[in-house]
Amino acid sequence: MVQNLFWATGYNVIALPLAAGVLAFKDILLQPALAALFMSLSTVIVAANAVLLKNKKL
């Protein structure tokens, strides 16, 4: 669960502020559609990680 929280938070903490224009003064801007794609990708990675962790013997 901690790994999944890490992955989901990592993507969203980086992509969403860039899409909002936090670093626009340095000409670093992420298109909102690309940020949404990253957000969806974080969901896919979290789901894949959950399946991998389910199959891993502790």
N, C-alpha and C. Protein backbone atom coordinates (compact mmCIF):
# COMPACT_ATOMS: atom_id res chain seq x y z
N MET A 1 0.82 -1.19 0.00
CA MET A 1 0.00 0.00 0.00
C MET A 1 0.87 1.26 0.00
N VAL A 2 1.97 1.21 0.74
CA VAL A 2 2.85 2.37 0.80
C VAL A 2 3.49 2.63 -0.56
N GLN A 3 3.89 1.55 -1.24
CA GLN A 3 4.47 1.72 -2.58
C GLN A 3 3.46 2.37 -3.53
N ASN A 4 2.21 1.93 -3.47
CA ASN A 4 1.18 2.49 -4.35
C ASN A 4 0.93 3.95 -4.04
N LEU A 5 0.92 4.30 -2.78
CA LEU A 5 0.76 5.71 -2.42
C LEU A 5 1.93 6.55 -2.92
N PHE A 6 3.12 5.98 -2.84
CA PHE A 6 4.32 6.67 -3.33
C PHE A 6 4.22 6.95 -4.83
N TRP A 7 3.87 5.94 -5.61
CA TRP A 7 3.79 6.12 -7.06
C TRP A 7 2.70 7.12 -7.45
N ALA A 8 1.53 6.98 -6.89
CA ALA A 8 0.43 7.87 -7.24
C ALA A 8 0.73 9.31 -6.83
N THR A 9 1.26 9.48 -5.64
CA THR A 9 1.59 10.82 -5.17
C THR A 9 2.72 11.43 -5.98
N GLY A 10 3.71 10.62 -6.31
CA GLY A 10 4.85 11.11 -7.09
C GLY A 10 4.43 11.71 -8.43
N TYR A 11 3.61 10.99 -9.16
CA TYR A 11 3.16 11.51 -10.45
C TYR A 11 2.34 12.78 -10.29
N ASN A 12 1.42 12.75 -9.35
CA ASN A 12 0.51 13.88 -9.20
C ASN A 12 1.20 15.11 -8.63
N VAL A 13 2.16 14.93 -7.75
CA VAL A 13 2.87 16.07 -7.17
C VAL A 13 3.73 16.77 -8.23
N ILE A 14 4.23 16.02 -9.18
CA ILE A 14 5.08 16.61 -10.22
C ILE A 14 4.26 17.17 -11.38
N ALA A 15 3.32 16.39 -11.88
CA ALA A 15 2.62 16.76 -13.12
C ALA A 15 1.59 17.88 -12.92
N LEU A 16 0.83 17.83 -11.85
CA LEU A 16 -0.24 18.81 -11.69
C LEU A 16 0.26 20.24 -11.50
N PRO A 17 1.26 20.49 -10.66
CA PRO A 17 1.75 21.87 -10.57
C PRO A 17 2.35 22.38 -11.88
N LEU A 18 3.01 21.48 -12.63
CA LEU A 18 3.54 21.90 -13.93
C LEU A 18 2.41 22.29 -14.87
N ALA A 19 1.32 21.54 -14.84
CA ALA A 19 0.18 21.87 -15.69
C ALA A 19 -0.48 23.17 -15.24
N ALA A 20 -0.43 23.45 -13.95
CA ALA A 20 -1.03 24.69 -13.44
C ALA A 20 -0.18 25.91 -13.74
N GLY A 21 1.07 25.69 -14.15
CA GLY A 21 1.92 26.81 -14.53
C GLY A 21 2.81 27.35 -13.44
N VAL A 22 3.12 26.51 -12.44
CA VAL A 22 3.96 26.95 -11.33
C VAL A 22 5.33 27.41 -11.81
N LEU A 23 5.89 26.73 -12.80
CA LEU A 23 7.21 27.09 -13.33
C LEU A 23 7.13 27.78 -14.69
N ALA A 24 6.01 28.42 -14.97
CA ALA A 24 5.83 29.08 -16.26
C ALA A 24 6.81 30.23 -16.46
N PHE A 25 7.25 30.85 -15.37
CA PHE A 25 8.20 31.95 -15.49
C PHE A 25 9.56 31.47 -16.01
N LYS A 26 9.83 30.17 -15.92
CA LYS A 26 11.06 29.59 -16.48
C LYS A 26 10.79 28.85 -17.78
N ASP A 27 9.65 29.11 -18.37
CA ASP A 27 9.21 28.46 -19.61
C ASP A 27 9.10 26.94 -19.48
N ILE A 28 8.78 26.46 -18.28
CA ILE A 28 8.52 25.05 -18.06
C ILE A 28 7.02 24.92 -17.83
N LEU A 29 6.34 24.38 -18.81
CA LEU A 29 4.89 24.27 -18.74
C LEU A 29 4.47 22.93 -19.32
N LEU A 30 3.57 22.28 -18.63
CA LEU A 30 3.03 21.00 -19.07
C LEU A 30 1.59 21.22 -19.50
N GLN A 31 1.27 20.74 -20.67
CA GLN A 31 -0.10 20.90 -21.15
C GLN A 31 -1.05 20.12 -20.24
N PRO A 32 -2.22 20.68 -19.96
CA PRO A 32 -3.16 20.00 -19.07
C PRO A 32 -3.55 18.60 -19.56
N ALA A 33 -3.64 18.41 -20.86
CA ALA A 33 -3.98 17.08 -21.39
C ALA A 33 -2.88 16.08 -21.06
N LEU A 34 -1.64 16.51 -21.11
CA LEU A 34 -0.53 15.63 -20.78
C LEU A 34 -0.51 15.33 -19.28
N ALA A 35 -0.84 16.30 -18.46
CA ALA A 35 -0.94 16.07 -17.02
C ALA A 35 -2.05 15.07 -16.72
N ALA A 36 -3.15 15.16 -17.43
CA ALA A 36 -4.24 14.20 -17.25
C ALA A 36 -3.80 12.80 -17.67
N LEU A 37 -3.01 12.73 -18.72
CA LEU A 37 -2.47 11.44 -19.16
C LEU A 37 -1.56 10.86 -18.09
N PHE A 38 -0.70 11.70 -17.49
CA PHE A 38 0.15 11.24 -16.41
C PHE A 38 -0.66 10.77 -15.21
N MET A 39 -1.74 11.46 -14.94
CA MET A 39 -2.60 11.08 -13.82
C MET A 39 -3.24 9.71 -14.08
N SER A 40 -3.67 9.48 -15.31
CA SER A 40 -4.21 8.17 -15.67
C SER A 40 -3.13 7.10 -15.62
N LEU A 41 -1.94 7.47 -16.07
CA LEU A 41 -0.82 6.54 -16.04
C LEU A 41 -0.48 6.14 -14.61
N SER A 42 -0.59 7.07 -13.68
CA SER A 42 -0.31 6.74 -12.28
C SER A 42 -1.30 5.69 -11.78
N THR A 43 -2.54 5.77 -12.23
CA THR A 43 -3.54 4.77 -11.84
C THR A 43 -3.18 3.40 -12.38
N VAL A 44 -2.73 3.36 -13.63
CA VAL A 44 -2.32 2.09 -14.25
C VAL A 44 -1.12 1.50 -13.51
N ILE A 45 -0.14 2.34 -13.17
CA ILE A 45 1.05 1.86 -12.46
C ILE A 45 0.68 1.34 -11.08
N VAL A 46 -0.20 2.03 -10.40
CA VAL A 46 -0.64 1.59 -9.07
C VAL A 46 -1.35 0.24 -9.18
N ALA A 47 -2.20 0.07 -10.18
CA ALA A 47 -2.91 -1.20 -10.35
C ALA A 47 -1.93 -2.33 -10.70
N ALA A 48 -0.97 -2.05 -11.58
CA ALA A 48 0.03 -3.07 -11.95
C ALA A 48 0.90 -3.43 -10.75
N ASN A 49 1.27 -2.44 -9.97
CA ASN A 49 2.07 -2.69 -8.78
C ASN A 49 1.30 -3.53 -7.77
N ALA A 50 0.01 -3.28 -7.63
CA ALA A 50 -0.81 -4.07 -6.71
C ALA A 50 -0.87 -5.53 -7.14
N VAL A 51 -0.98 -5.77 -8.44
CA VAL A 51 -1.00 -7.14 -8.95
C VAL A 51 0.35 -7.81 -8.70
N LEU A 52 1.44 -7.10 -8.94
CA LEU A 52 2.77 -7.66 -8.71
C LEU A 52 2.99 -7.96 -7.23
N LEU A 53 2.55 -7.05 -6.36
CA LEU A 53 2.71 -7.28 -4.93
C LEU A 53 1.82 -8.42 -4.44
N LYS A 54 0.67 -8.60 -5.07
CA LYS A 54 -0.23 -9.68 -4.68
C LYS A 54 0.42 -11.02 -4.95
N ASN A 55 1.17 -11.12 -6.05
CA ASN A 55 1.79 -12.37 -6.44
C ASN A 55 3.14 -12.61 -5.74
N LYS A 56 3.66 -11.62 -5.04
CA LYS A 56 4.95 -11.73 -4.38
C LYS A 56 4.78 -12.37 -3.00
N LYS A 57 5.63 -13.35 -2.73
CA LYS A 57 5.58 -13.99 -1.42
C LYS A 57 6.43 -13.19 -0.45
N LEU A 58 5.84 -12.87 0.68
CA LEU A 58 6.55 -12.08 1.71
C LEU A 58 7.21 -12.96 2.72
